[in-house]
Amino acid sequence: MTEAPRGGQDSRPAENPPPRDGTPGAAAPHGDVYTWYQRGLELLGRGSPAAAAQLLERAAEAEPGSRSVLEALGRAQFDTRRYADAAATFRQIVEASPSDDYAHFGLGLALARSGDPRAAAEHLALAAAMRPELRHYTEALRGVRATLKARAQAPGEAPATPAGVEPPANPASGEAPPAPASGEAPPAPA
C-alpha cells in the first residue's frame, strides 16, 4: 500500500482508539509477557532503548518479580538517560538478590550518573569484589573514586598535575597558561 490518510491516522473506524502518547489505558502490545520481554531485548540490541523501555515497563507491571525483565528494563532506562528510574529498577533486583553482581554494577552506574558518587562507589565496590575479573567493574569503580577524590579537594584548589605532565598549552598563544594563585579560579580560555 502506497497511500495513507493524512496525519498518519488509521482510516478504519474505531469505537475507542488507543491513545498514541503512552497514557494509561493505551492498548497493551500484542503477545504475552515473554514476547514483550524478547521484543524489548531485540529493540535494546538494535539501539532503540526508548521503545524497549515501553515494552519492558509493561512486562515489569505484569511480572514485577522477574529479574530478567527488571534487568532489561534497567538497561533501557539507563540508555534513555532516565538514571533515577534505572537506579530504582536495579535497586529492586539488589534488594531481592543481594549477591547479583550485575545489579550492583547497574545500580552503581545509575547512581553515578544521577549525581550520587558516594552511593555509586559502594555498589560498584561490591560488584568488583564479587567479580574481580570483570575489568569494566573495576574501571567504573576507579572512575567514581576519582570523582569523589576530586570533589574532596578544597574549594579553589586546582587538581594536582601528575609528575612529569605539563599543563595543556593555551591554543591562542601556544604557551602554557599561568598557574592560578591559591584560591583563584583558573583563567578563562581566550
N, C-alpha and C. Protein backbone atom coordinates (compact mmCIF):
# COMPACT_ATOMS: atom_id res chain seq x y z
N MET A 1 0.85 -1.17 0.00
CA MET A 1 0.00 0.00 0.00
C MET A 1 0.89 1.23 0.00
N THR A 2 0.60 2.13 -0.90
CA THR A 2 1.42 3.33 -1.00
C THR A 2 0.72 4.57 -0.51
N GLU A 3 -0.58 4.51 -0.34
CA GLU A 3 -1.31 5.69 0.09
C GLU A 3 -1.77 5.50 1.53
N ALA A 4 -1.70 6.57 2.27
CA ALA A 4 -2.15 6.55 3.66
C ALA A 4 -2.89 7.84 3.93
N PRO A 5 -3.82 7.82 4.86
CA PRO A 5 -4.52 9.06 5.18
C PRO A 5 -3.57 10.08 5.79
N ARG A 6 -3.92 11.33 5.64
CA ARG A 6 -3.10 12.40 6.19
C ARG A 6 -3.03 12.30 7.70
N GLY A 7 -1.88 12.74 8.24
CA GLY A 7 -1.72 12.74 9.69
C GLY A 7 -1.31 11.39 10.25
N GLY A 8 -1.17 10.39 9.41
CA GLY A 8 -0.73 9.08 9.88
C GLY A 8 -1.78 8.34 10.68
N GLN A 9 -3.04 8.77 10.62
CA GLN A 9 -4.09 8.12 11.39
C GLN A 9 -4.61 6.90 10.64
N ASP A 10 -5.11 5.95 11.38
CA ASP A 10 -5.71 4.76 10.81
C ASP A 10 -7.06 5.15 10.22
N SER A 11 -7.33 4.77 8.98
CA SER A 11 -8.58 5.15 8.32
C SER A 11 -9.75 4.27 8.75
N ARG A 12 -9.46 3.17 9.45
CA ARG A 12 -10.54 2.29 9.89
C ARG A 12 -11.26 2.91 11.08
N PRO A 13 -12.58 2.83 11.11
CA PRO A 13 -13.30 3.40 12.25
C PRO A 13 -13.04 2.56 13.49
N ALA A 14 -12.96 3.24 14.61
CA ALA A 14 -12.76 2.54 15.88
C ALA A 14 -13.60 3.23 16.93
N GLU A 15 -14.19 2.42 17.80
CA GLU A 15 -15.02 2.99 18.85
C GLU A 15 -14.17 3.76 19.86
N ASN A 16 -13.12 3.15 20.35
CA ASN A 16 -12.23 3.76 21.33
C ASN A 16 -10.79 3.57 20.89
N PRO A 17 -10.31 4.41 20.00
CA PRO A 17 -8.93 4.22 19.55
C PRO A 17 -7.97 4.41 20.72
N PRO A 18 -6.90 3.61 20.77
CA PRO A 18 -5.95 3.74 21.88
C PRO A 18 -5.17 5.05 21.76
N PRO A 19 -4.88 5.68 22.90
CA PRO A 19 -4.06 6.90 22.84
C PRO A 19 -2.67 6.58 22.31
N ARG A 20 -2.08 7.54 21.59
CA ARG A 20 -0.77 7.33 20.98
C ARG A 20 0.36 7.87 21.85
N ASP A 21 0.04 8.49 22.97
CA ASP A 21 1.07 9.14 23.76
C ASP A 21 1.53 8.32 24.96
N GLY A 22 1.14 7.08 25.06
CA GLY A 22 1.60 6.23 26.15
C GLY A 22 0.86 6.45 27.45
N THR A 23 -0.29 7.14 27.40
CA THR A 23 -1.05 7.39 28.62
C THR A 23 -1.69 6.11 29.10
N PRO A 24 -2.05 6.06 30.40
CA PRO A 24 -2.72 4.87 30.91
C PRO A 24 -3.98 4.60 30.10
N GLY A 25 -4.27 3.38 29.90
CA GLY A 25 -5.42 2.99 29.11
C GLY A 25 -5.05 2.68 27.68
N ALA A 26 -3.79 2.91 27.33
CA ALA A 26 -3.34 2.57 25.99
C ALA A 26 -3.43 1.06 25.80
N ALA A 27 -3.70 0.68 24.59
CA ALA A 27 -3.83 -0.75 24.31
C ALA A 27 -2.51 -1.46 24.61
N ALA A 28 -2.63 -2.63 25.21
CA ALA A 28 -1.43 -3.42 25.51
C ALA A 28 -0.85 -3.96 24.22
N PRO A 29 0.47 -4.09 24.16
CA PRO A 29 1.07 -4.67 22.96
C PRO A 29 0.60 -6.12 22.79
N HIS A 30 0.66 -6.59 21.57
CA HIS A 30 0.24 -7.96 21.28
C HIS A 30 1.22 -8.95 21.91
N GLY A 31 0.72 -10.10 22.29
CA GLY A 31 1.57 -11.15 22.82
C GLY A 31 1.50 -11.23 24.34
N ASP A 32 2.33 -12.11 24.87
CA ASP A 32 2.38 -12.30 26.32
C ASP A 32 3.64 -11.63 26.88
N VAL A 33 3.85 -11.75 28.17
CA VAL A 33 4.97 -11.10 28.84
C VAL A 33 6.30 -11.54 28.23
N TYR A 34 6.44 -12.82 27.95
CA TYR A 34 7.70 -13.30 27.38
C TYR A 34 7.95 -12.68 26.01
N THR A 35 6.89 -12.53 25.21
CA THR A 35 7.01 -11.90 23.90
C THR A 35 7.45 -10.44 24.05
N TRP A 36 6.86 -9.73 25.03
CA TRP A 36 7.24 -8.34 25.27
C TRP A 36 8.70 -8.26 25.69
N TYR A 37 9.10 -9.19 26.55
CA TYR A 37 10.49 -9.22 27.02
C TYR A 37 11.46 -9.46 25.85
N GLN A 38 11.16 -10.46 25.03
CA GLN A 38 12.02 -10.77 23.88
C GLN A 38 12.09 -9.60 22.91
N ARG A 39 10.94 -9.00 22.65
CA ARG A 39 10.90 -7.85 21.73
C ARG A 39 11.66 -6.67 22.34
N GLY A 40 11.53 -6.47 23.65
CA GLY A 40 12.27 -5.41 24.33
C GLY A 40 13.77 -5.60 24.21
N LEU A 41 14.23 -6.84 24.40
CA LEU A 41 15.66 -7.12 24.25
C LEU A 41 16.13 -6.87 22.82
N GLU A 42 15.29 -7.24 21.86
CA GLU A 42 15.63 -7.03 20.45
C GLU A 42 15.76 -5.53 20.16
N LEU A 43 14.80 -4.75 20.64
CA LEU A 43 14.85 -3.31 20.43
C LEU A 43 16.06 -2.69 21.13
N LEU A 44 16.36 -3.15 22.31
CA LEU A 44 17.52 -2.66 23.05
C LEU A 44 18.80 -2.97 22.28
N GLY A 45 18.90 -4.18 21.76
CA GLY A 45 20.07 -4.58 20.99
C GLY A 45 20.23 -3.83 19.69
N ARG A 46 19.12 -3.35 19.14
CA ARG A 46 19.17 -2.60 17.88
C ARG A 46 19.30 -1.10 18.09
N GLY A 47 19.47 -0.69 19.34
CA GLY A 47 19.67 0.74 19.61
C GLY A 47 18.41 1.55 19.75
N SER A 48 17.32 0.93 20.17
CA SER A 48 16.05 1.64 20.39
C SER A 48 15.62 1.50 21.85
N PRO A 49 16.39 2.11 22.77
CA PRO A 49 16.09 1.89 24.19
C PRO A 49 14.76 2.49 24.64
N ALA A 50 14.30 3.57 24.02
CA ALA A 50 13.02 4.16 24.44
C ALA A 50 11.86 3.22 24.12
N ALA A 51 11.88 2.65 22.93
CA ALA A 51 10.84 1.69 22.56
C ALA A 51 10.93 0.44 23.43
N ALA A 52 12.16 0.01 23.70
CA ALA A 52 12.36 -1.16 24.56
C ALA A 52 11.81 -0.88 25.96
N ALA A 53 12.07 0.31 26.49
CA ALA A 53 11.61 0.65 27.83
C ALA A 53 10.09 0.58 27.92
N GLN A 54 9.39 1.03 26.88
CA GLN A 54 7.92 0.98 26.90
C GLN A 54 7.42 -0.45 27.02
N LEU A 55 7.97 -1.33 26.21
CA LEU A 55 7.55 -2.74 26.26
C LEU A 55 7.94 -3.38 27.59
N LEU A 56 9.15 -3.09 28.03
CA LEU A 56 9.64 -3.73 29.25
C LEU A 56 8.93 -3.20 30.50
N GLU A 57 8.46 -1.96 30.46
CA GLU A 57 7.66 -1.45 31.58
C GLU A 57 6.36 -2.22 31.68
N ARG A 58 5.75 -2.52 30.54
CA ARG A 58 4.52 -3.35 30.53
C ARG A 58 4.82 -4.73 31.09
N ALA A 59 5.92 -5.30 30.65
CA ALA A 59 6.28 -6.64 31.13
C ALA A 59 6.54 -6.62 32.63
N ALA A 60 7.20 -5.57 33.14
CA ALA A 60 7.50 -5.47 34.57
C ALA A 60 6.23 -5.28 35.39
N GLU A 61 5.24 -4.57 34.83
CA GLU A 61 3.95 -4.44 35.52
C GLU A 61 3.26 -5.79 35.64
N ALA A 62 3.35 -6.58 34.58
CA ALA A 62 2.70 -7.89 34.57
C ALA A 62 3.46 -8.92 35.40
N GLU A 63 4.78 -8.82 35.44
CA GLU A 63 5.63 -9.77 36.18
C GLU A 63 6.62 -8.98 37.03
N PRO A 64 6.16 -8.36 38.13
CA PRO A 64 7.03 -7.48 38.91
C PRO A 64 8.22 -8.17 39.57
N GLY A 65 8.18 -9.47 39.72
CA GLY A 65 9.28 -10.18 40.36
C GLY A 65 10.29 -10.79 39.40
N SER A 66 10.11 -10.54 38.10
CA SER A 66 11.00 -11.14 37.11
C SER A 66 12.32 -10.39 37.05
N ARG A 67 13.38 -11.05 37.48
CA ARG A 67 14.71 -10.46 37.49
C ARG A 67 15.17 -10.11 36.07
N SER A 68 14.90 -10.99 35.12
CA SER A 68 15.32 -10.77 33.74
C SER A 68 14.64 -9.54 33.15
N VAL A 69 13.35 -9.41 33.39
CA VAL A 69 12.60 -8.26 32.88
C VAL A 69 13.12 -6.98 33.52
N LEU A 70 13.33 -7.02 34.85
CA LEU A 70 13.82 -5.83 35.54
C LEU A 70 15.21 -5.43 35.07
N GLU A 71 16.09 -6.40 34.85
CA GLU A 71 17.43 -6.08 34.37
C GLU A 71 17.38 -5.40 33.01
N ALA A 72 16.59 -5.97 32.10
CA ALA A 72 16.47 -5.38 30.76
C ALA A 72 15.83 -3.99 30.85
N LEU A 73 14.85 -3.83 31.72
CA LEU A 73 14.21 -2.52 31.89
C LEU A 73 15.21 -1.51 32.44
N GLY A 74 16.00 -1.91 33.42
CA GLY A 74 17.02 -1.01 33.97
C GLY A 74 18.01 -0.58 32.91
N ARG A 75 18.42 -1.50 32.06
CA ARG A 75 19.34 -1.16 30.97
C ARG A 75 18.71 -0.17 30.01
N ALA A 76 17.44 -0.40 29.66
CA ALA A 76 16.74 0.50 28.74
C ALA A 76 16.58 1.89 29.37
N GLN A 77 16.24 1.93 30.64
CA GLN A 77 16.10 3.22 31.32
C GLN A 77 17.44 3.95 31.36
N PHE A 78 18.50 3.23 31.64
CA PHE A 78 19.83 3.83 31.68
C PHE A 78 20.18 4.39 30.30
N ASP A 79 19.93 3.61 29.26
CA ASP A 79 20.28 4.04 27.90
C ASP A 79 19.44 5.21 27.41
N THR A 80 18.29 5.46 28.04
CA THR A 80 17.48 6.63 27.69
C THR A 80 17.74 7.77 28.67
N ARG A 81 18.78 7.63 29.46
CA ARG A 81 19.22 8.66 30.41
C ARG A 81 18.22 8.92 31.52
N ARG A 82 17.41 7.93 31.81
CA ARG A 82 16.48 8.01 32.94
C ARG A 82 17.18 7.34 34.12
N TYR A 83 18.22 8.01 34.61
CA TYR A 83 19.11 7.39 35.59
C TYR A 83 18.43 7.11 36.93
N ALA A 84 17.56 8.00 37.39
CA ALA A 84 16.86 7.76 38.65
C ALA A 84 15.95 6.54 38.53
N ASP A 85 15.26 6.41 37.40
CA ASP A 85 14.41 5.24 37.16
C ASP A 85 15.24 3.96 37.09
N ALA A 86 16.37 4.04 36.39
CA ALA A 86 17.26 2.88 36.28
C ALA A 86 17.77 2.47 37.66
N ALA A 87 18.14 3.46 38.48
CA ALA A 87 18.62 3.15 39.83
C ALA A 87 17.52 2.45 40.63
N ALA A 88 16.30 2.94 40.54
CA ALA A 88 15.19 2.32 41.27
C ALA A 88 14.96 0.88 40.80
N THR A 89 15.06 0.67 39.51
CA THR A 89 14.85 -0.68 38.96
C THR A 89 15.96 -1.63 39.40
N PHE A 90 17.23 -1.18 39.28
CA PHE A 90 18.33 -2.05 39.72
C PHE A 90 18.29 -2.27 41.24
N ARG A 91 17.82 -1.27 41.99
CA ARG A 91 17.71 -1.42 43.44
C ARG A 91 16.72 -2.54 43.79
N GLN A 92 15.63 -2.66 43.01
CA GLN A 92 14.67 -3.76 43.24
C GLN A 92 15.37 -5.11 43.12
N ILE A 93 16.23 -5.24 42.13
CA ILE A 93 16.95 -6.51 41.94
C ILE A 93 17.91 -6.74 43.10
N VAL A 94 18.65 -5.70 43.50
CA VAL A 94 19.61 -5.82 44.60
C VAL A 94 18.90 -6.22 45.89
N GLU A 95 17.75 -5.62 46.15
CA GLU A 95 17.01 -5.95 47.37
C GLU A 95 16.52 -7.39 47.35
N ALA A 96 16.13 -7.88 46.19
CA ALA A 96 15.65 -9.26 46.08
C ALA A 96 16.80 -10.26 46.03
N SER A 97 17.94 -9.83 45.48
CA SER A 97 19.08 -10.73 45.31
C SER A 97 20.38 -9.96 45.57
N PRO A 98 20.77 -9.81 46.85
CA PRO A 98 21.96 -9.02 47.19
C PRO A 98 23.26 -9.54 46.59
N SER A 99 23.30 -10.76 46.12
CA SER A 99 24.53 -11.30 45.55
C SER A 99 24.59 -11.15 44.03
N ASP A 100 23.68 -10.39 43.44
CA ASP A 100 23.66 -10.19 41.99
C ASP A 100 24.65 -9.09 41.63
N ASP A 101 25.81 -9.48 41.13
CA ASP A 101 26.86 -8.51 40.83
C ASP A 101 26.44 -7.51 39.75
N TYR A 102 25.74 -7.99 38.73
CA TYR A 102 25.36 -7.08 37.64
C TYR A 102 24.36 -6.04 38.13
N ALA A 103 23.46 -6.41 39.02
CA ALA A 103 22.50 -5.45 39.57
C ALA A 103 23.23 -4.37 40.37
N HIS A 104 24.25 -4.77 41.15
CA HIS A 104 25.05 -3.78 41.88
C HIS A 104 25.78 -2.87 40.90
N PHE A 105 26.32 -3.44 39.83
CA PHE A 105 27.01 -2.66 38.82
C PHE A 105 26.06 -1.65 38.17
N GLY A 106 24.90 -2.11 37.73
CA GLY A 106 23.92 -1.22 37.11
C GLY A 106 23.45 -0.14 38.06
N LEU A 107 23.21 -0.51 39.31
CA LEU A 107 22.79 0.47 40.31
C LEU A 107 23.90 1.49 40.53
N GLY A 108 25.14 1.03 40.62
CA GLY A 108 26.26 1.94 40.81
C GLY A 108 26.41 2.92 39.67
N LEU A 109 26.31 2.44 38.43
CA LEU A 109 26.43 3.34 37.28
C LEU A 109 25.29 4.35 37.26
N ALA A 110 24.07 3.89 37.54
CA ALA A 110 22.92 4.80 37.52
C ALA A 110 23.03 5.85 38.62
N LEU A 111 23.51 5.45 39.79
CA LEU A 111 23.69 6.41 40.88
C LEU A 111 24.79 7.43 40.53
N ALA A 112 25.85 6.96 39.90
CA ALA A 112 26.92 7.87 39.50
C ALA A 112 26.39 8.89 38.50
N ARG A 113 25.64 8.46 37.52
CA ARG A 113 25.11 9.36 36.50
C ARG A 113 24.05 10.31 37.07
N SER A 114 23.37 9.88 38.13
CA SER A 114 22.35 10.75 38.71
C SER A 114 22.93 11.68 39.77
N GLY A 115 24.25 11.62 39.97
CA GLY A 115 24.90 12.59 40.85
C GLY A 115 25.16 12.14 42.27
N ASP A 116 25.17 10.84 42.52
CA ASP A 116 25.44 10.34 43.87
C ASP A 116 26.64 9.39 43.84
N PRO A 117 27.85 9.94 43.66
CA PRO A 117 29.02 9.08 43.51
C PRO A 117 29.36 8.29 44.78
N ARG A 118 29.02 8.81 45.95
CA ARG A 118 29.32 8.08 47.19
C ARG A 118 28.54 6.76 47.25
N ALA A 119 27.24 6.83 46.98
CA ALA A 119 26.43 5.60 46.96
C ALA A 119 26.85 4.71 45.79
N ALA A 120 27.20 5.34 44.66
CA ALA A 120 27.64 4.58 43.49
C ALA A 120 28.89 3.76 43.82
N ALA A 121 29.84 4.39 44.54
CA ALA A 121 31.09 3.70 44.88
C ALA A 121 30.81 2.45 45.72
N GLU A 122 29.85 2.53 46.61
CA GLU A 122 29.51 1.38 47.45
C GLU A 122 29.06 0.19 46.60
N HIS A 123 28.16 0.44 45.66
CA HIS A 123 27.63 -0.66 44.84
C HIS A 123 28.65 -1.14 43.81
N LEU A 124 29.43 -0.22 43.26
CA LEU A 124 30.46 -0.64 42.31
C LEU A 124 31.55 -1.45 43.02
N ALA A 125 31.86 -1.09 44.27
CA ALA A 125 32.86 -1.85 45.04
C ALA A 125 32.35 -3.27 45.30
N LEU A 126 31.07 -3.39 45.61
CA LEU A 126 30.50 -4.73 45.82
C LEU A 126 30.56 -5.55 44.53
N ALA A 127 30.19 -4.93 43.42
CA ALA A 127 30.23 -5.65 42.13
C ALA A 127 31.65 -6.08 41.81
N ALA A 128 32.61 -5.19 41.99
CA ALA A 128 34.02 -5.50 41.70
C ALA A 128 34.55 -6.58 42.63
N ALA A 129 34.11 -6.58 43.87
CA ALA A 129 34.56 -7.61 44.82
C ALA A 129 33.97 -8.97 44.45
N MET A 130 32.75 -8.98 43.97
CA MET A 130 32.10 -10.25 43.58
C MET A 130 32.70 -10.82 42.31
N ARG A 131 33.09 -9.95 41.39
CA ARG A 131 33.62 -10.40 40.10
C ARG A 131 34.86 -9.59 39.74
N PRO A 132 35.97 -9.80 40.44
CA PRO A 132 37.17 -9.00 40.20
C PRO A 132 37.76 -9.19 38.80
N GLU A 133 37.41 -10.25 38.12
CA GLU A 133 37.94 -10.49 36.78
C GLU A 133 37.27 -9.61 35.71
N LEU A 134 36.16 -8.97 36.07
CA LEU A 134 35.46 -8.11 35.10
C LEU A 134 36.04 -6.70 35.17
N ARG A 135 36.85 -6.40 34.19
CA ARG A 135 37.60 -5.15 34.16
C ARG A 135 36.70 -3.92 34.15
N HIS A 136 35.56 -4.00 33.45
CA HIS A 136 34.69 -2.82 33.40
C HIS A 136 34.10 -2.48 34.76
N TYR A 137 33.97 -3.48 35.66
CA TYR A 137 33.52 -3.19 37.02
C TYR A 137 34.57 -2.37 37.75
N THR A 138 35.82 -2.81 37.69
CA THR A 138 36.88 -2.10 38.42
C THR A 138 37.17 -0.73 37.80
N GLU A 139 37.05 -0.61 36.48
CA GLU A 139 37.27 0.69 35.83
C GLU A 139 36.19 1.69 36.24
N ALA A 140 34.96 1.24 36.32
CA ALA A 140 33.87 2.12 36.75
C ALA A 140 34.08 2.55 38.20
N LEU A 141 34.51 1.62 39.04
CA LEU A 141 34.79 1.96 40.43
C LEU A 141 35.92 2.98 40.52
N ARG A 142 36.98 2.78 39.75
CA ARG A 142 38.09 3.74 39.75
C ARG A 142 37.63 5.13 39.34
N GLY A 143 36.78 5.20 38.34
CA GLY A 143 36.27 6.48 37.87
C GLY A 143 35.45 7.20 38.93
N VAL A 144 34.60 6.47 39.63
CA VAL A 144 33.77 7.08 40.68
C VAL A 144 34.65 7.51 41.85
N ARG A 145 35.63 6.71 42.19
CA ARG A 145 36.54 7.10 43.28
C ARG A 145 37.34 8.34 42.91
N ALA A 146 37.71 8.47 41.66
CA ALA A 146 38.42 9.66 41.21
C ALA A 146 37.52 10.89 41.32
N THR A 147 36.25 10.74 41.00
CA THR A 147 35.29 11.83 41.15
C THR A 147 35.18 12.24 42.61
N LEU A 148 35.09 11.26 43.49
CA LEU A 148 35.00 11.56 44.93
C LEU A 148 36.25 12.27 45.42
N LYS A 149 37.40 11.83 44.96
CA LYS A 149 38.66 12.45 45.37
C LYS A 149 38.73 13.89 44.88
N ALA A 150 38.32 14.12 43.63
CA ALA A 150 38.34 15.48 43.08
C ALA A 150 37.39 16.40 43.84
N ARG A 151 36.24 15.88 44.21
CA ARG A 151 35.27 16.68 44.95
C ARG A 151 35.72 16.96 46.38
N ALA A 152 36.58 16.11 46.90
CA ALA A 152 37.05 16.28 48.28
C ALA A 152 38.12 17.35 48.41
N GLN A 153 38.71 17.78 47.28
CA GLN A 153 39.74 18.81 47.33
C GLN A 153 39.12 20.10 47.84
N ALA A 154 39.96 20.92 48.47
CA ALA A 154 39.49 22.20 48.99
C ALA A 154 38.98 23.07 47.86
N PRO A 155 37.93 23.87 48.12
CA PRO A 155 37.41 24.76 47.07
C PRO A 155 38.50 25.71 46.57
N GLY A 156 38.55 25.88 45.26
CA GLY A 156 39.52 26.77 44.65
C GLY A 156 40.87 26.15 44.42
N GLU A 157 41.10 24.97 44.97
CA GLU A 157 42.39 24.30 44.81
C GLU A 157 42.39 23.56 43.49
N ALA A 158 43.36 23.84 42.67
CA ALA A 158 43.46 23.17 41.37
C ALA A 158 43.87 21.72 41.58
N PRO A 159 43.35 20.81 40.76
CA PRO A 159 43.77 19.42 40.86
C PRO A 159 45.27 19.31 40.60
N ALA A 160 45.90 18.41 41.31
CA ALA A 160 47.34 18.22 41.15
C ALA A 160 47.63 17.66 39.77
N THR A 161 48.65 18.20 39.13
CA THR A 161 49.10 17.69 37.85
C THR A 161 50.06 16.55 38.12
N PRO A 162 49.86 15.39 37.52
CA PRO A 162 50.78 14.28 37.76
C PRO A 162 52.21 14.67 37.42
N ALA A 163 53.15 14.11 38.14
CA ALA A 163 54.57 14.41 37.93
C ALA A 163 54.95 14.16 36.48
N GLY A 164 55.69 15.11 35.93
CA GLY A 164 56.18 14.94 34.56
C GLY A 164 55.18 15.32 33.50
N VAL A 165 53.97 15.77 33.88
CA VAL A 165 52.96 16.14 32.90
C VAL A 165 52.80 17.65 32.95
N GLU A 166 53.00 18.28 31.82
CA GLU A 166 52.87 19.73 31.72
C GLU A 166 51.40 20.10 31.57
N PRO A 167 50.98 21.28 32.08
CA PRO A 167 49.61 21.71 31.83
C PRO A 167 49.40 21.89 30.33
N PRO A 168 48.15 21.76 29.84
CA PRO A 168 47.90 21.90 28.41
C PRO A 168 48.25 23.30 27.94
N ALA A 169 48.72 23.39 26.72
CA ALA A 169 49.09 24.68 26.13
C ALA A 169 47.85 25.49 25.83
N ASN A 170 47.99 26.81 25.93
CA ASN A 170 46.92 27.72 25.57
C ASN A 170 46.89 27.77 24.05
N PRO A 171 45.80 27.33 23.41
CA PRO A 171 45.79 27.26 21.95
C PRO A 171 45.97 28.61 21.28
N ALA A 172 45.57 29.69 21.93
CA ALA A 172 45.68 31.01 21.31
C ALA A 172 47.13 31.49 21.24
N SER A 173 47.91 31.21 22.30
CA SER A 173 49.26 31.74 22.34
C SER A 173 50.33 30.69 22.09
N GLY A 174 49.94 29.43 22.21
CA GLY A 174 50.91 28.37 22.02
C GLY A 174 51.75 28.12 23.25
N GLU A 175 51.46 28.80 24.36
CA GLU A 175 52.22 28.56 25.58
C GLU A 175 51.30 28.09 26.69
N ALA A 176 51.88 27.54 27.72
CA ALA A 176 51.11 27.02 28.85
C ALA A 176 50.45 28.17 29.59
N PRO A 177 49.20 28.00 30.06
CA PRO A 177 48.54 29.07 30.81
C PRO A 177 49.21 29.25 32.17
N PRO A 178 49.15 30.47 32.71
CA PRO A 178 49.75 30.69 34.02
C PRO A 178 48.99 29.91 35.08
N ALA A 179 49.71 29.42 36.07
CA ALA A 179 49.08 28.69 37.17
C ALA A 179 48.31 29.67 38.03
N PRO A 180 47.06 29.35 38.41
CA PRO A 180 46.28 30.27 39.24
C PRO A 180 46.86 30.33 40.64
N ALA A 181 46.72 31.50 41.26
CA ALA A 181 47.15 31.66 42.65
C ALA A 181 46.19 30.89 43.53
N SER A 182 46.62 30.52 44.71
CA SER A 182 45.80 29.75 45.63
C SER A 182 44.49 30.49 45.88
N GLY A 183 43.38 29.81 45.74
CA GLY A 183 42.07 30.39 45.97
C GLY A 183 41.53 31.15 44.78
N GLU A 184 42.26 31.18 43.67
CA GLU A 184 41.85 31.92 42.49
C GLU A 184 41.38 30.95 41.43
N ALA A 185 40.36 31.33 40.70
CA ALA A 185 39.83 30.47 39.64
C ALA A 185 40.81 30.44 38.48
N PRO A 186 40.88 29.34 37.75
CA PRO A 186 41.78 29.29 36.58
C PRO A 186 41.33 30.29 35.52
N PRO A 187 42.27 30.77 34.70
CA PRO A 187 41.90 31.75 33.68
C PRO A 187 40.94 31.14 32.66
N ALA A 188 40.06 31.99 32.17
CA ALA A 188 39.09 31.55 31.16
C ALA A 188 39.82 31.40 29.83
N PRO A 189 39.40 30.45 29.00
CA PRO A 189 40.04 30.29 27.69
C PRO A 189 39.82 31.53 26.84
N ALA A 190 40.81 31.84 26.02
CA ALA A 190 40.73 33.04 25.16
C ALA A 190 39.83 32.81 23.99
